[in-house]
Amino acid sequence: MQKKEAAVRLGSFLASIGREAGVRDQDIAVLQSRDQTPAEAMSFE
């Protein structure tokens, strides 16, 4: 099996898990639209 075929099978598998779990496009959109700004480093002083 080649890598491309494996990637397609893995993607299909993950999509089926999402469908079974009831994940919707709106759920993904919320996660992708969140603030992507990196957190500030902690200070231990």
PDB file of N, CA and C in Angstrom:
ATOM      1  N   MET A   1       0.848  -1.184   0.000  1.00  0.00           N
ATOM      2  CA  MET A   1       0.000   0.000   0.000  1.00  0.00           C
ATOM      3  C   MET A   1       0.892   1.244   0.000  1.00  0.00           C
ATOM      4  N   GLN A   2       0.530   2.210  -0.786  1.00  0.00           N
ATOM      5  CA  GLN A   2       1.306   3.442  -0.871  1.00  0.00           C
ATOM      6  C   GLN A   2       0.791   4.454   0.144  1.00  0.00           C
ATOM      7  N   LYS A   3       1.596   5.467   0.413  1.00  0.00           N
ATOM      8  CA  LYS A   3       1.234   6.474   1.410  1.00  0.00           C
ATOM      9  C   LYS A   3      -0.043   7.209   1.042  1.00  0.00           C
ATOM     10  N   LYS A   4      -0.230   7.515  -0.237  1.00  0.00           N
ATOM     11  CA  LYS A   4      -1.415   8.261  -0.654  1.00  0.00           C
ATOM     12  C   LYS A   4      -2.679   7.459  -0.374  1.00  0.00           C
ATOM     13  N   GLU A   5      -2.644   6.163  -0.661  1.00  0.00           N
ATOM     14  CA  GLU A   5      -3.802   5.312  -0.391  1.00  0.00           C
ATOM     15  C   GLU A   5      -4.074   5.239   1.106  1.00  0.00           C
ATOM     16  N   ALA A   6      -3.024   5.148   1.901  1.00  0.00           N
ATOM     17  CA  ALA A   6      -3.183   5.093   3.353  1.00  0.00           C
ATOM     18  C   ALA A   6      -3.774   6.393   3.876  1.00  0.00           C
ATOM     19  N   ALA A   7      -3.351   7.520   3.316  1.00  0.00           N
ATOM     20  CA  ALA A   7      -3.867   8.815   3.755  1.00  0.00           C
ATOM     21  C   ALA A   7      -5.351   8.940   3.441  1.00  0.00           C
ATOM     22  N   VAL A   8      -5.766   8.453   2.296  1.00  0.00           N
ATOM     23  CA  VAL A   8      -7.183   8.504   1.931  1.00  0.00           C
ATOM     24  C   VAL A   8      -7.987   7.628   2.876  1.00  0.00           C
ATOM     25  N   ARG A   9      -7.486   6.452   3.183  1.00  0.00           N
ATOM     26  CA  ARG A   9      -8.204   5.554   4.083  1.00  0.00           C
ATOM     27  C   ARG A   9      -8.280   6.130   5.486  1.00  0.00           C
ATOM     28  N   LEU A  10      -7.200   6.745   5.947  1.00  0.00           N
ATOM     29  CA  LEU A  10      -7.197   7.353   7.272  1.00  0.00           C
ATOM     30  C   LEU A  10      -8.186   8.513   7.324  1.00  0.00           C
ATOM     31  N   GLY A  11      -8.195   9.345   6.290  1.00  0.00           N
ATOM     32  CA  GLY A  11      -9.135  10.462   6.245  1.00  0.00           C
ATOM     33  C   GLY A  11     -10.576   9.997   6.255  1.00  0.00           C
ATOM     34  N   SER A  12     -10.868   8.949   5.504  1.00  0.00           N
ATOM     35  CA  SER A  12     -12.221   8.391   5.474  1.00  0.00           C
ATOM     36  C   SER A  12     -12.598   7.831   6.838  1.00  0.00           C
ATOM     37  N   PHE A  13     -11.644   7.177   7.488  1.00  0.00           N
ATOM     38  CA  PHE A  13     -11.886   6.613   8.811  1.00  0.00           C
ATOM     39  C   PHE A  13     -12.192   7.714   9.823  1.00  0.00           C
ATOM     40  N   LEU A  14     -11.397   8.785   9.807  1.00  0.00           N
ATOM     41  CA  LEU A  14     -11.625   9.891  10.736  1.00  0.00           C
ATOM     42  C   LEU A  14     -12.957  10.584  10.468  1.00  0.00           C
ATOM     43  N   ALA A  15     -13.321  10.714   9.194  1.00  0.00           N
ATOM     44  CA  ALA A  15     -14.609  11.321   8.849  1.00  0.00           C
ATOM     45  C   ALA A  15     -15.758  10.471   9.371  1.00  0.00           C
ATOM     46  N   SER A  16     -15.631   9.154   9.274  1.00  0.00           N
ATOM     47  CA  SER A  16     -16.703   8.278   9.759  1.00  0.00           C
ATOM     48  C   SER A  16     -16.829   8.365  11.279  1.00  0.00           C
ATOM     49  N   ILE A  17     -15.709   8.504  11.975  1.00  0.00           N
ATOM     50  CA  ILE A  17     -15.761   8.674  13.432  1.00  0.00           C
ATOM     51  C   ILE A  17     -16.503   9.966  13.779  1.00  0.00           C
ATOM     52  N   GLY A  18     -16.206  11.034  13.047  1.00  0.00           N
ATOM     53  CA  GLY A  18     -16.879  12.307  13.286  1.00  0.00           C
ATOM     54  C   GLY A  18     -18.374  12.225  13.048  1.00  0.00           C
ATOM     55  N   ARG A  19     -18.772  11.518  11.986  1.00  0.00           N
ATOM     56  CA  ARG A  19     -20.203  11.359  11.710  1.00  0.00           C
ATOM     57  C   ARG A  19     -20.885  10.568  12.820  1.00  0.00           C
ATOM     58  N   GLU A  20     -20.260   9.497  13.282  1.00  0.00           N
ATOM     59  CA  GLU A  20     -20.844   8.688  14.353  1.00  0.00           C
ATOM     60  C   GLU A  20     -20.950   9.478  15.651  1.00  0.00           C
ATOM     61  N   ALA A  21     -19.993  10.360  15.901  1.00  0.00           N
ATOM     62  CA  ALA A  21     -19.996  11.158  17.124  1.00  0.00           C
ATOM     63  C   ALA A  21     -20.955  12.343  17.029  1.00  0.00           C
ATOM     64  N   GLY A  22     -21.473  12.616  15.843  1.00  0.00           N
ATOM     65  CA  GLY A  22     -22.415  13.710  15.672  1.00  0.00           C
ATOM     66  C   GLY A  22     -21.757  15.065  15.496  1.00  0.00           C
ATOM     67  N   VAL A  23     -20.504  15.091  15.078  1.00  0.00           N
ATOM     68  CA  VAL A  23     -19.810  16.358  14.850  1.00  0.00           C
ATOM     69  C   VAL A  23     -20.354  16.989  13.574  1.00  0.00           C
ATOM     70  N   ARG A  24     -20.710  18.266  13.668  1.00  0.00           N
ATOM     71  CA  ARG A  24     -21.272  18.968  12.516  1.00  0.00           C
ATOM     72  C   ARG A  24     -20.283  20.002  12.000  1.00  0.00           C
ATOM     73  N   ASP A  25     -20.537  20.494  10.802  1.00  0.00           N
ATOM     74  CA  ASP A  25     -19.679  21.526  10.211  1.00  0.00           C
ATOM     75  C   ASP A  25     -19.636  22.772  11.094  1.00  0.00           C
ATOM     76  N   GLN A  26     -20.757  23.090  11.745  1.00  0.00           N
ATOM     77  CA  GLN A  26     -20.801  24.264  12.618  1.00  0.00           C
ATOM     78  C   GLN A  26     -19.857  24.090  13.806  1.00  0.00           C
ATOM     79  N   ASP A  27     -19.736  22.864  14.317  1.00  0.00           N
ATOM     80  CA  ASP A  27     -18.827  22.610  15.435  1.00  0.00           C
ATOM     81  C   ASP A  27     -17.382  22.866  15.025  1.00  0.00           C
ATOM     82  N   ILE A  28     -17.029  22.429  13.841  1.00  0.00           N
ATOM     83  CA  ILE A  28     -15.669  22.624  13.342  1.00  0.00           C
ATOM     84  C   ILE A  28     -15.407  24.106  13.089  1.00  0.00           C
ATOM     85  N   ALA A  29     -16.400  24.815  12.557  1.00  0.00           N
ATOM     86  CA  ALA A  29     -16.244  26.244  12.271  1.00  0.00           C
ATOM     87  C   ALA A  29     -15.957  27.026  13.549  1.00  0.00           C
ATOM     88  N   VAL A  30     -16.597  26.666  14.646  1.00  0.00           N
ATOM     89  CA  VAL A  30     -16.357  27.349  15.921  1.00  0.00           C
ATOM     90  C   VAL A  30     -14.916  27.142  16.362  1.00  0.00           C
ATOM     91  N   LEU A  31     -14.410  25.929  16.227  1.00  0.00           N
ATOM     92  CA  LEU A  31     -13.036  25.647  16.636  1.00  0.00           C
ATOM     93  C   LEU A  31     -12.025  26.375  15.762  1.00  0.00           C
ATOM     94  N   GLN A  32     -12.315  26.489  14.482  1.00  0.00           N
ATOM     95  CA  GLN A  32     -11.383  27.124  13.564  1.00  0.00           C
ATOM     96  C   GLN A  32     -11.421  28.643  13.654  1.00  0.00           C
ATOM     97  N   SER A  33     -12.499  29.214  14.169  1.00  0.00           N
ATOM     98  CA  SER A  33     -12.617  30.670  14.224  1.00  0.00           C
ATOM     99  C   SER A  33     -12.156  31.247  15.562  1.00  0.00           C
ATOM    100  N   ARG A  34     -11.708  30.423  16.478  1.00  0.00           N
ATOM    101  CA  ARG A  34     -11.275  30.925  17.787  1.00  0.00           C
ATOM    102  C   ARG A  34      -9.977  31.716  17.656  1.00  0.00           C
ATOM    103  N   ASP A  35      -9.659  32.451  18.673  1.00  0.00           N
ATOM    104  CA  ASP A  35      -8.459  33.290  18.684  1.00  0.00           C
ATOM    105  C   ASP A  35      -7.214  32.412  18.593  1.00  0.00           C
ATOM    106  N   GLN A  36      -6.371  32.652  17.610  1.00  0.00           N
ATOM    107  CA  GLN A  36      -5.167  31.860  17.392  1.00  0.00           C
ATOM    108  C   GLN A  36      -3.915  32.529  17.966  1.00  0.00           C
ATOM    109  N   THR A  37      -4.087  33.620  18.711  1.00  0.00           N
ATOM    110  CA  THR A  37      -2.957  34.338  19.284  1.00  0.00           C
ATOM    111  C   THR A  37      -2.268  33.456  20.325  1.00  0.00           C
ATOM    112  N   PRO A  38      -0.949  33.311  20.231  1.00  0.00           N
ATOM    113  CA  PRO A  38      -0.246  32.489  21.222  1.00  0.00           C
ATOM    114  C   PRO A  38      -0.375  33.083  22.621  1.00  0.00           C
ATOM    115  N   ALA A  39      -0.436  32.223  23.608  1.00  0.00           N
ATOM    116  CA  ALA A  39      -0.518  32.681  24.992  1.00  0.00           C
ATOM    117  C   ALA A  39       0.810  33.298  25.410  1.00  0.00           C
ATOM    118  N   GLU A  40       0.746  34.201  26.383  1.00  0.00           N
ATOM    119  CA  GLU A  40       1.970  34.797  26.902  1.00  0.00           C
ATOM    120  C   GLU A  40       2.690  33.776  27.774  1.00  0.00           C
ATOM    121  N   ALA A  41       4.007  33.829  27.751  1.00  0.00           N
ATOM    122  CA  ALA A  41       4.808  32.913  28.563  1.00  0.00           C
ATOM    123  C   ALA A  41       4.571  33.187  30.042  1.00  0.00           C
ATOM    124  N   MET A  42       4.587  32.114  30.838  1.00  0.00           N
ATOM    125  CA  MET A  42       4.392  32.256  32.281  1.00  0.00           C
ATOM    126  C   MET A  42       5.620  32.876  32.921  1.00  0.00           C
ATOM    127  N   SER A  43       5.395  33.618  33.974  1.00  0.00           N
ATOM    128  CA  SER A  43       6.487  34.214  34.736  1.00  0.00           C
ATOM    129  C   SER A  43       6.485  33.590  36.129  1.00  0.00           C
ATOM    130  N   PHE A  44       7.643  33.160  36.590  1.00  0.00           N
ATOM    131  CA  PHE A  44       7.737  32.530  37.898  1.00  0.00           C
ATOM    132  C   PHE A  44       8.398  33.450  38.923  1.00  0.00           C
ATOM    133  N   GLU A  45       8.336  34.730  38.677  1.00  0.00           N
ATOM    134  CA  GLU A  45       8.948  35.692  39.600  1.00  0.00           C
ATOM    135  C   GLU A  45       7.952  36.187  40.599  1.00  0.00           C
TER     136      GLU A  45
END
